[in-house]
Amino acid sequence: MRVSGLPIHFSGFARSDGRVGVRNYLVVLSSVALVNRWAELVASAVPEARVVAGEFMRGLRSPDALRQERASEALVTHPNVGACLVLCHDAASARLWRKYLADCGRPHAVLALMDQAGMEAAVGAGRQILSRLDDVRRTVERVPCPIGALTLALECGGSDPTSALVANPAIGLVVDALIGAGGGAIVSETVEFVGAEEPVRDRCPSAHLAARLLGAIAAAEERMEEDGERYRGVNPTAENIEAGLTTLIEKSMGAVAKTGSRPFAGLLQFGETPATPGLYLMDTPFFSPCSITGMVAAGAQITMFGLGVFNPSGNPLAPTIKVCGNPMTAARWRDAIDVDLSEVLAQRLSLDQAAQRLGESLVETAAGRETQAERWREGQFIVPKTLTPL
């Protein structure tokens, strides 16, 4: 372990299901896009409330319908959620949600829009319930929790040479340390591993797992080429090339660097919760708001995001630590980046020291320090769809 200083415990929120939260968010979930505006109006009465809303649709077919259902259920019962209000369109949906939340282990309520008597009454009823939930949520206090209870979502964006030289390797060292302490990490965006198949294979403890991971990577590449354009010929993107990358292998190897050196423990589908601690690849699309949604739905409490050029992605339920090794990006986006590691390029900071700084930021964030993404309320919820809805 090259990152020292990760404590045995941090100050977090112990949930009744055995999981640990780093935040105690009050959440308003819009269970279908029809009530997104209702959710926004209700949540606006409590400044600390977080809205979970997306393009949650009716008429989806399997497997899309099941994926959306499981993701929304997982998000509203995420370990960072201290209390939740679920808003539905109709009474039948509300009954299903009440059944699901009956044993969720936190204060909750469910309302159906069609049970209300007009929009003013609907907003007022939602705000009254939300206020009561907030009062109960505030009584929950932080307690010592094992650092090994943390799972990180790993993301990178705006990749450039500093991504592979600084930000991602520093993240990788922290990942190694956290897994060594019993924790976990999830990396996604399967197509980002095209060109890095060999190191992925080398880090699989069995031929069976190697076949699964390499099969997912090959399938992702095949999907990218369905429109007739060869993926290995169009990536790096124009943005990456302008930033200094020249080949797909450069980009992919830089992306893999954020996973550290530990063996892969398994392959996850979108939003699937890991069965054991360790490092997992989640099979997701490459758009960061979508891939982060999947990792957070799987239970990741914190996102570590390596930057070259700035990227505004995040997620409202999991604090995002933005890490940058590019001095120009760090200077221009000082109010949106959490950990500036650009001193590594000037040789004023070693990579081990950079990882140490990042590890300290992880512990401070887990214990409650607000990240820049939280400050700006960055982030979206996107669940992928594979079939045309009915």
Foldseek 3Di string as FASTA:
>chain_A
DLAPDQDQWFWFFQFPVRATFLAAAEEEEEQAQVCQVLSVLLQVVPVRHDYADDHNHPQADPPQPVLSVLLSLLLCLFNNYQEYEYEAADPVVQVVVCVSCVPSRHHYYYDHPVVADDSVRSSVVSNVSSVVSVVVSVVGGIDIDGLQSAEEEEAEDLDELCLLVAQQLLLQVLLVVSVVSNHAYEYEQLCLQVLVLVLLLVQAPDPVQSCVSVVLNVVVQVVVCPVPDRPQVCPPDPSHVVRPDDGSNSRSSSSCSNNHRHHEPHEAEFLAADPGHYYYYYYDHNDVLANVSRVVSNRHQAYEYEYDADDQADALRHAYAYEYQHPVNCVVPVLQHHQYNVVVVVVPAPSSRSSNVVSVVVSVSSNPDHHSCNVVVHGHHDHDGDDDGD
